[in-house]
Amino acid sequence: MKPIPSPGHMGVDYEARVDFDRLRDYRISRAKAALASSDCGAFLLFDFYNIRYTTSTWIGGALGDKMIRYALVTRDSDPILWDFGSAVKHHRLHSKWFPEENWRAGFLGFRGAVAPDAGLMRSAITEIKAILTEAGVADAPVGVDIVEPPFLFEMQRQGLTVADAQQYMLDARVIKSQDEIILLNQAAAMVDGVYQDIVDVLKPGIRENEIVALANKRLYELGSDQVEAINAISGERCNPHPHNFTDRIIRPGDQAFFDIIHSFNGYRTCYYRTFSVGSATTPQRDAYKQAREWMDKGIDGIRAGIGTDQVAALLPKATDFGFESEMDAFGLQFAHGLGLGLHERPIISRLNSMENPVELQVGMVFALETYCPASDGVSAARIEEEIVVTENGPEVLTRFPAQDLFIANEY
């Protein structure tokens, strides 16, 4: 079996790489199929990842949480996107996969900075309702993924029935195409390289925030379109895991772990690695060995047709590593889907999977995470591998060495 390629960023004439027309066709066909399987007449999408999935448009992070971009997906027509300012003119010039009139200007008020009384939401919903009426689906429910309360209330005031579209869209996004998997693999390859940069400088005297700065710089140099977050945790901050970074100075013998979350052409990584600085103690090695055993046991259990409850059962219980309940320990021993979003389906954990299992399918991609606190009370090991479910079993995308505890700049 050939490995999943990570062919580089450029389109070339001498290799078959990512086919973006095929990618766009795949995504909109999956979204349309999800709509057809629902009782909804249309989906109205505010979630940035759903908008990118259905329209193949993107605006950077500054507008990602402002709730002003929205797309309408109907059964028999191309999606319509209402976007911010001059982005609409840009789409009309450069995004030719939909008719020019489907790129429209829209603005709803920056999450209340313009009060609903100004009428922007009222006018937007009147326009949307007219489109639904013309399509003959104004009496059917409108599926919405996420929404501001005033927008929801105005939809109801104008006689629209609102349903949940997020469940359908997450189901649509769960099976990745060959192009999506290549992009996910390329994103992981970029992080492989960043980890090499990190271990080269991971010495006493460097600060956690300097590592974060280095990772951001290198990722953007390598072609990332968004660095969502870098966790950098060292020394006594490793246990309990704080999920952030500070200006702490790294010291000799520290254990340190990092999580690199970025996207390439929209497709994300979530990729932990743990190191010891200069040397490692027995408690640090033991914790790492245990985290790796849990990881390998989880990976070995991943097969198409297996339920997520069966995979979750392979992971340690919360009480096995110092927590009172699965809720208290959530996020430390689990897996989450990866794609345009950081947390997609499937979510695999003892908290949710035992009572609500999902069958693993070929084409699912997720990140599996383990964590083990050390017996010294401060150190801890954190490992994460990104995995594709293939017909032949799991294929791991994350390649930086993690089978044994990596000693950076060993004395």
Protein backbone atom coordinates (compact mmCIF):
# COMPACT_ATOMS: atom_id res chain seq x y z
CA MET A 1 0.00 0.00 0.00
CA LYS A 2 1.39 3.39 -0.98
CA PRO A 3 1.47 6.00 1.77
CA ILE A 4 -0.74 9.06 1.58
CA PRO A 5 1.23 11.70 -0.37
CA SER A 6 2.35 15.09 0.92
CA PRO A 7 3.33 16.49 -2.48
CA GLY A 8 4.05 20.14 -1.78
CA HIS A 9 2.11 23.35 -2.22
CA MET A 10 2.34 24.09 -5.93
CA GLY A 11 0.18 22.70 -8.67
CA VAL A 12 2.47 21.19 -11.30
CA ASP A 13 2.12 19.61 -14.72
CA TYR A 14 4.20 16.53 -14.00
CA GLU A 15 2.38 15.09 -10.94
CA ALA A 16 -1.24 14.56 -9.98
CA ARG A 17 -1.64 16.49 -6.75
CA VAL A 18 -4.67 18.10 -5.09
CA ASP A 19 -7.46 18.70 -7.60
CA PHE A 20 -9.27 21.72 -6.19
CA ASP A 21 -12.15 21.55 -8.67
CA ARG A 22 -12.72 17.95 -7.58
CA LEU A 23 -12.44 19.04 -3.93
CA ARG A 24 -15.07 21.76 -4.37
CA ASP A 25 -17.42 19.39 -6.23
CA TYR A 26 -17.03 16.75 -3.53
CA ARG A 27 -17.78 19.14 -0.69
CA ILE A 28 -20.87 20.76 -2.17
CA SER A 29 -22.23 17.38 -3.24
CA ARG A 30 -21.84 16.10 0.33
CA ALA A 31 -23.60 19.20 1.70
CA LYS A 32 -26.43 18.90 -0.84
CA ALA A 33 -26.85 15.23 0.01
CA ALA A 34 -27.08 16.14 3.68
CA LEU A 35 -29.72 18.74 2.89
CA ALA A 36 -31.67 16.24 0.80
CA SER A 37 -31.63 13.77 3.71
CA SER A 38 -33.19 16.34 6.04
CA ASP A 39 -36.65 17.87 6.31
CA CYS A 40 -35.17 21.31 5.66
CA GLY A 41 -35.82 23.33 2.56
CA ALA A 42 -32.46 25.06 2.89
CA PHE A 43 -29.43 25.43 5.14
CA LEU A 44 -28.43 28.88 6.38
CA LEU A 45 -24.82 28.63 7.50
CA PHE A 46 -22.82 30.96 9.76
CA ASP A 47 -20.17 28.51 10.90
CA PHE A 48 -16.93 29.54 9.13
CA TYR A 49 -16.03 25.93 8.40
CA ASN A 50 -19.43 25.16 6.89
CA ILE A 51 -19.18 28.31 4.77
CA ARG A 52 -15.78 27.25 3.47
CA TYR A 53 -17.01 23.70 2.88
CA THR A 54 -19.95 24.86 0.75
CA THR A 55 -18.57 27.97 -0.97
CA SER A 56 -14.76 27.50 -0.97
CA THR A 57 -14.25 31.06 0.26
CA TRP A 58 -12.16 32.27 3.17
CA ILE A 59 -11.53 35.41 5.18
CA GLY A 60 -8.85 35.37 7.86
CA GLY A 61 -9.35 35.01 11.56
CA ALA A 62 -10.24 38.62 12.43
CA LEU A 63 -13.77 38.13 11.13
CA GLY A 64 -14.12 34.50 12.13
CA ASP A 65 -16.26 35.10 15.21
CA LYS A 66 -18.20 38.19 14.13
CA MET A 67 -21.27 36.38 12.75
CA ILE A 68 -21.52 38.57 9.67
CA ARG A 69 -20.77 36.09 6.87
CA TYR A 70 -23.55 33.65 5.96
CA ALA A 71 -24.35 31.25 3.14
CA LEU A 72 -27.68 29.88 1.93
CA VAL A 73 -27.64 26.36 0.49
CA THR A 74 -30.79 25.25 -1.31
CA ARG A 75 -31.57 21.93 -2.94
CA ASP A 76 -31.59 22.92 -6.59
CA SER A 77 -29.39 26.02 -6.86
CA ASP A 78 -25.80 27.05 -6.19
CA PRO A 79 -25.09 28.46 -2.72
CA ILE A 80 -25.42 32.19 -2.14
CA LEU A 81 -22.87 33.87 0.12
CA TRP A 82 -23.29 37.21 1.85
CA ASP A 83 -19.80 38.46 2.63
CA PHE A 84 -17.95 41.39 4.07
CA GLY A 85 -17.29 44.53 2.06
CA SER A 86 -14.82 44.29 -0.80
CA ALA A 87 -14.46 40.52 -0.33
CA VAL A 88 -17.57 40.22 -2.51
CA LYS A 89 -15.89 42.00 -5.41
CA HIS A 90 -12.86 39.75 -4.94
CA HIS A 91 -15.03 36.60 -5.10
CA ARG A 92 -16.66 37.82 -8.31
CA LEU A 93 -13.25 38.28 -9.89
CA HIS A 94 -11.51 35.16 -8.62
CA SER A 95 -14.09 32.59 -7.44
CA LYS A 96 -15.73 31.60 -10.68
CA TRP A 97 -17.24 28.30 -9.54
CA PHE A 98 -20.56 30.03 -8.74
CA PRO A 99 -22.41 32.75 -10.71
CA GLU A 100 -21.30 36.31 -9.91
CA GLU A 101 -24.74 37.21 -8.56
CA ASN A 102 -24.36 34.55 -5.86
CA TRP A 103 -21.65 36.61 -4.17
CA ARG A 104 -23.50 39.37 -2.30
CA ALA A 105 -22.64 42.06 0.20
CA GLY A 106 -24.03 41.63 3.68
CA PHE A 107 -23.57 42.98 7.18
CA LEU A 108 -25.48 42.09 10.34
CA GLY A 109 -23.83 44.25 12.99
CA PHE A 110 -20.64 42.73 14.45
CA ARG A 111 -22.37 40.68 17.14
CA GLY A 112 -24.55 43.49 18.39
CA ALA A 113 -22.18 46.44 17.92
CA VAL A 114 -24.87 47.70 15.56
CA ALA A 115 -28.06 47.14 17.53
CA PRO A 116 -30.75 44.91 16.02
CA ASP A 117 -33.08 47.94 16.08
CA ALA A 118 -31.08 49.32 13.12
CA GLY A 119 -32.87 46.78 10.94
CA LEU A 120 -29.89 45.05 9.31
CA MET A 121 -31.04 41.61 10.44
CA ARG A 122 -34.64 42.34 9.48
CA SER A 123 -33.61 43.30 5.94
CA ALA A 124 -31.32 40.29 5.60
CA ILE A 125 -34.03 37.84 6.63
CA THR A 126 -36.56 39.50 4.33
CA GLU A 127 -34.12 38.92 1.45
CA ILE A 128 -33.51 35.31 2.49
CA LYS A 129 -37.22 34.62 2.84
CA ALA A 130 -37.83 35.97 -0.67
CA ILE A 131 -35.25 33.54 -2.06
CA LEU A 132 -36.85 30.67 -0.16
CA THR A 133 -40.28 31.67 -1.42
CA GLU A 134 -39.04 31.73 -5.02
CA ALA A 135 -37.53 28.27 -4.47
CA GLY A 136 -40.84 27.02 -3.08
CA VAL A 137 -39.43 26.09 0.33
CA ALA A 138 -40.41 29.03 2.55
CA ASP A 139 -42.83 26.79 4.46
CA ALA A 140 -40.18 24.15 5.13
CA PRO A 141 -37.79 24.40 8.09
CA VAL A 142 -34.59 26.37 7.56
CA GLY A 143 -31.58 24.56 8.99
CA VAL A 144 -29.20 26.88 10.86
CA ASP A 145 -25.84 25.84 12.30
CA ILE A 146 -25.02 28.66 14.76
CA VAL A 147 -26.95 31.90 15.22
CA GLU A 148 -27.23 35.09 17.26
CA PRO A 149 -30.41 35.22 19.34
CA PRO A 150 -31.75 38.45 17.69
CA PHE A 151 -31.31 36.86 14.25
CA LEU A 152 -33.15 33.74 15.39
CA PHE A 153 -35.97 35.80 16.89
CA GLU A 154 -36.32 37.80 13.67
CA MET A 155 -36.47 34.63 11.58
CA GLN A 156 -39.30 33.41 13.78
CA ARG A 157 -41.05 36.79 13.67
CA GLN A 158 -41.03 36.62 9.87
CA GLY A 159 -42.61 33.18 9.96
CA LEU A 160 -39.60 30.95 9.29
CA THR A 161 -39.27 27.65 11.14
CA VAL A 162 -35.73 27.04 12.35
CA ALA A 163 -34.10 23.60 12.59
CA ASP A 164 -30.59 22.36 13.43
CA ALA A 165 -28.30 22.15 10.38
CA GLN A 166 -25.07 21.60 12.28
CA GLN A 167 -25.70 17.90 12.81
CA TYR A 168 -26.25 17.38 9.08
CA MET A 169 -23.21 19.44 8.12
CA LEU A 170 -20.94 17.59 10.55
CA ASP A 171 -22.17 14.32 9.08
CA ALA A 172 -21.42 15.66 5.60
CA ARG A 173 -17.89 16.64 6.59
CA VAL A 174 -17.00 13.40 8.42
CA ILE A 175 -15.79 11.39 5.40
CA LYS A 176 -12.79 13.04 3.81
CA SER A 177 -12.03 12.83 0.10
CA GLN A 178 -8.60 11.95 -1.26
CA ASP A 179 -7.88 15.66 -1.76
CA GLU A 180 -8.86 16.53 1.80
CA ILE A 181 -6.63 13.77 3.17
CA ILE A 182 -3.68 14.99 1.11
CA LEU A 183 -4.18 18.51 2.47
CA LEU A 184 -4.38 17.17 6.02
CA ASN A 185 -1.18 15.22 5.42
CA GLN A 186 0.58 18.26 3.99
CA ALA A 187 -0.47 20.28 7.04
CA ALA A 188 1.01 17.56 9.27
CA ALA A 189 4.23 17.52 7.25
CA MET A 190 4.65 21.22 7.95
CA VAL A 191 4.40 20.55 11.69
CA ASP A 192 6.94 17.71 11.36
CA GLY A 193 9.41 20.37 10.25
CA VAL A 194 8.45 22.83 12.96
CA TYR A 195 9.14 20.21 15.62
CA GLN A 196 12.63 19.81 14.24
CA ASP A 197 13.07 23.57 14.62
CA ILE A 198 11.75 23.36 18.18
CA VAL A 199 14.10 20.60 19.34
CA ASP A 200 17.04 22.48 17.85
CA VAL A 201 16.40 25.43 20.20
CA LEU A 202 14.83 23.65 23.16
CA LYS A 203 17.55 24.48 25.64
CA PRO A 204 17.68 26.08 29.09
CA GLY A 205 17.03 29.81 28.89
CA ILE A 206 14.47 29.85 26.10
CA ARG A 207 10.95 30.83 27.08
CA GLU A 208 7.70 29.10 26.22
CA ASN A 209 6.48 32.19 24.36
CA GLU A 210 9.66 32.23 22.27
CA ILE A 211 8.88 28.68 21.13
CA VAL A 212 5.38 29.84 20.25
CA ALA A 213 6.80 32.74 18.25
CA LEU A 214 9.21 30.44 16.43
CA ALA A 215 6.43 27.99 15.56
CA ASN A 216 4.16 30.74 14.24
CA LYS A 217 6.94 32.20 12.11
CA ARG A 218 7.96 28.87 10.62
CA LEU A 219 4.41 27.77 9.91
CA TYR A 220 3.61 30.93 8.00
CA GLU A 221 6.90 30.62 6.12
CA LEU A 222 5.95 27.06 5.21
CA GLY A 223 2.57 28.16 3.82
CA SER A 224 0.07 27.96 6.67
CA ASP A 225 -3.07 30.00 6.12
CA GLN A 226 -3.92 30.19 9.83
CA VAL A 227 -2.05 29.35 13.01
CA GLU A 228 -4.94 28.80 15.37
CA ALA A 229 -3.01 28.06 18.56
CA ILE A 230 0.30 26.83 19.91
CA ASN A 231 0.35 25.30 23.38
CA ALA A 232 3.74 25.33 25.11
CA ILE A 233 3.90 23.77 28.57
CA SER A 234 7.05 23.04 30.56
CA GLY A 235 8.37 22.05 33.97
CA GLU A 236 5.95 22.33 36.86
CA ARG A 237 3.24 23.57 34.48
CA CYS A 238 2.91 20.11 32.90
CA ASN A 239 0.75 18.71 35.68
CA PRO A 240 -2.09 19.59 35.62
CA HIS A 241 -2.21 20.47 31.93
CA PRO A 242 -3.17 24.16 31.53
CA HIS A 243 -3.71 24.16 27.71
CA ASN A 244 -1.87 27.45 27.08
CA PHE A 245 1.59 29.05 27.13
CA THR A 246 3.38 31.60 29.31
CA ASP A 247 6.72 33.38 29.54
CA ARG A 248 8.20 30.65 31.73
CA ILE A 249 11.93 30.08 31.20
CA ILE A 250 12.72 26.47 30.35
CA ARG A 251 15.24 24.87 32.70
CA PRO A 252 17.61 21.88 32.59
CA GLY A 253 15.81 18.57 32.99
CA ASP A 254 12.35 20.01 32.34
CA GLN A 255 9.74 17.97 30.59
CA ALA A 256 7.99 20.07 27.96
CA PHE A 257 5.14 19.37 25.58
CA PHE A 258 3.66 21.34 22.72
CA ASP A 259 0.49 21.29 20.63
CA ILE A 260 0.58 22.84 17.16
CA ILE A 261 -2.78 23.76 15.66
CA HIS A 262 -2.72 25.36 12.22
CA SER A 263 -4.29 24.92 8.81
CA PHE A 264 -3.10 24.49 5.24
CA ASN A 265 -5.73 25.36 2.65
CA GLY A 266 -8.16 25.20 5.54
CA TYR A 267 -7.24 21.71 6.77
CA ARG A 268 -6.06 21.55 10.34
CA THR A 269 -3.58 19.83 12.57
CA CYS A 270 -3.73 18.99 16.25
CA TYR A 271 -0.32 17.55 16.98
CA TYR A 272 1.28 17.13 20.44
CA ARG A 273 4.83 16.08 21.13
CA THR A 274 6.67 15.76 24.47
CA PHE A 275 10.39 16.27 25.08
CA SER A 276 12.78 16.32 27.97
CA VAL A 277 15.36 19.10 27.99
CA GLY A 278 18.95 17.86 28.16
CA SER A 279 18.19 14.82 30.30
CA ALA A 280 15.25 12.80 31.60
CA THR A 281 14.39 11.38 35.02
CA THR A 282 12.96 7.95 35.68
CA PRO A 283 9.48 9.36 36.50
CA GLN A 284 9.50 11.29 33.20
CA ARG A 285 10.48 8.20 31.21
CA ASP A 286 7.91 6.06 33.00
CA ALA A 287 5.12 8.56 32.33
CA TYR A 288 6.07 8.75 28.67
CA LYS A 289 6.21 4.97 28.35
CA GLN A 290 2.70 4.71 29.79
CA ALA A 291 1.28 7.45 27.54
CA ARG A 292 2.82 5.69 24.53
CA GLU A 293 1.37 2.33 25.55
CA TRP A 294 -2.08 3.88 25.81
CA MET A 295 -1.58 5.50 22.40
CA ASP A 296 -0.45 2.30 20.69
CA LYS A 297 -3.29 0.32 22.23
CA GLY A 298 -5.78 2.88 20.91
CA ILE A 299 -4.28 2.92 17.40
CA ASP A 300 -4.23 -0.88 17.23
CA GLY A 301 -7.97 -0.93 17.88
CA ILE A 302 -8.90 1.42 15.05
CA ARG A 303 -10.60 -0.31 12.14
CA ALA A 304 -13.49 0.49 9.82
CA GLY A 305 -16.65 -1.08 11.22
CA ILE A 306 -15.49 -0.75 14.84
CA GLY A 307 -17.64 1.32 17.19
CA THR A 308 -16.19 4.35 18.89
CA ASP A 309 -17.24 2.78 22.20
CA GLN A 310 -14.82 -0.08 21.49
CA VAL A 311 -11.98 2.38 20.86
CA ALA A 312 -12.85 4.43 23.95
CA ALA A 313 -12.76 1.26 26.04
CA LEU A 314 -9.08 0.86 25.09
CA LEU A 315 -8.21 4.21 26.64
CA PRO A 316 -7.57 4.55 30.38
CA LYS A 317 -10.33 5.47 32.79
CA ALA A 318 -10.17 8.86 34.47
CA THR A 319 -9.40 7.21 37.78
CA ASP A 320 -6.38 5.47 36.22
CA PHE A 321 -4.49 8.77 36.00
CA GLY A 322 -5.70 10.81 38.93
CA PHE A 323 -9.14 12.21 38.07
CA GLU A 324 -12.43 11.59 39.82
CA SER A 325 -14.69 11.53 36.76
CA GLU A 326 -14.62 11.35 32.98
CA MET A 327 -15.88 14.93 32.83
CA ASP A 328 -12.95 16.10 34.97
CA ALA A 329 -10.52 14.26 32.67
CA PHE A 330 -12.14 15.08 29.34
CA GLY A 331 -9.72 16.14 26.63
CA LEU A 332 -6.76 14.21 27.98
CA GLN A 333 -7.55 10.69 26.73
CA PHE A 334 -9.73 11.07 23.66
CA ALA A 335 -9.88 11.47 19.91
CA HIS A 336 -11.51 14.15 17.80
CA GLY A 337 -12.22 14.47 14.11
CA LEU A 338 -10.00 16.77 12.04
CA GLY A 339 -10.84 18.63 8.87
CA LEU A 340 -11.72 22.24 8.18
CA GLY A 341 -12.59 22.39 11.86
CA LEU A 342 -10.40 21.40 14.78
CA HIS A 343 -13.11 19.35 16.48
CA GLU A 344 -15.21 17.40 14.04
CA ARG A 345 -16.71 13.91 14.13
CA PRO A 346 -15.97 11.42 15.50
CA ILE A 347 -15.40 12.44 19.11
CA ILE A 348 -14.15 9.33 20.91
CA SER A 349 -14.00 9.30 24.70
CA ARG A 350 -15.32 7.44 27.68
CA LEU A 351 -17.46 10.50 28.44
CA ASN A 352 -19.68 10.22 25.35
CA SER A 353 -18.88 7.16 23.27
CA MET A 354 -20.04 4.40 25.61
CA GLU A 355 -23.68 5.51 25.49
CA ASN A 356 -23.64 6.98 21.99
CA PRO A 357 -21.25 4.98 19.79
CA VAL A 358 -20.52 5.78 16.15
CA GLU A 359 -19.20 3.30 13.61
CA LEU A 360 -15.77 4.14 12.20
CA GLN A 361 -15.72 4.41 8.41
CA VAL A 362 -13.02 4.56 5.76
CA GLY A 363 -12.15 8.21 5.15
CA MET A 364 -12.57 9.40 8.71
CA VAL A 365 -9.61 11.41 10.02
CA PHE A 366 -9.06 12.15 13.66
CA ALA A 367 -6.44 13.00 16.26
CA LEU A 368 -5.91 10.62 19.16
CA GLU A 369 -4.52 12.15 22.37
CA THR A 370 -3.07 10.59 25.52
CA TYR A 371 -1.70 12.14 28.70
CA CYS A 372 0.09 10.64 31.69
CA PRO A 373 1.17 12.55 34.81
CA ALA A 374 4.53 11.55 36.25
CA SER A 375 5.08 10.25 39.76
CA ASP A 376 7.21 13.31 40.59
CA GLY A 377 3.99 15.36 40.80
CA VAL A 378 4.98 17.99 38.23
CA SER A 379 6.07 16.35 34.97
CA ALA A 380 3.73 14.74 32.45
CA ALA A 381 3.78 13.17 29.00
CA ARG A 382 1.40 14.23 26.22
CA ILE A 383 1.27 12.49 22.83
CA GLU A 384 -1.04 13.00 19.87
CA GLU A 385 -1.21 11.20 16.54
CA GLU A 386 -3.36 12.08 13.54
CA ILE A 387 -4.92 9.00 11.98
CA VAL A 388 -6.76 8.17 8.75
CA VAL A 389 -9.10 5.18 8.72
CA THR A 390 -8.25 3.23 5.55
CA GLU A 391 -9.44 -0.06 4.14
CA ASN A 392 -6.23 -1.60 5.47
CA GLY A 393 -6.46 -0.14 8.95
CA PRO A 394 -5.14 3.06 10.52
CA GLU A 395 -2.53 5.20 8.79
CA VAL A 396 -0.68 7.72 10.95
CA LEU A 397 -0.01 11.14 9.39
CA THR A 398 2.10 12.63 12.18
CA ARG A 399 5.71 11.60 11.61
CA PHE A 400 7.96 13.37 14.13
CA PRO A 401 9.52 10.65 16.32
CA ALA A 402 7.36 9.81 19.31
CA GLN A 403 7.77 6.12 20.03
CA ASP A 404 10.27 6.91 22.80
CA LEU A 405 10.79 10.01 24.90
CA PHE A 406 12.82 12.44 22.79
CA ILE A 407 15.66 14.14 24.70
CA ALA A 408 16.29 17.55 23.16
CA ASN A 409 19.93 18.65 23.15
CA GLU A 410 21.01 15.79 25.40
CA TYR A 411 23.90 16.49 27.77
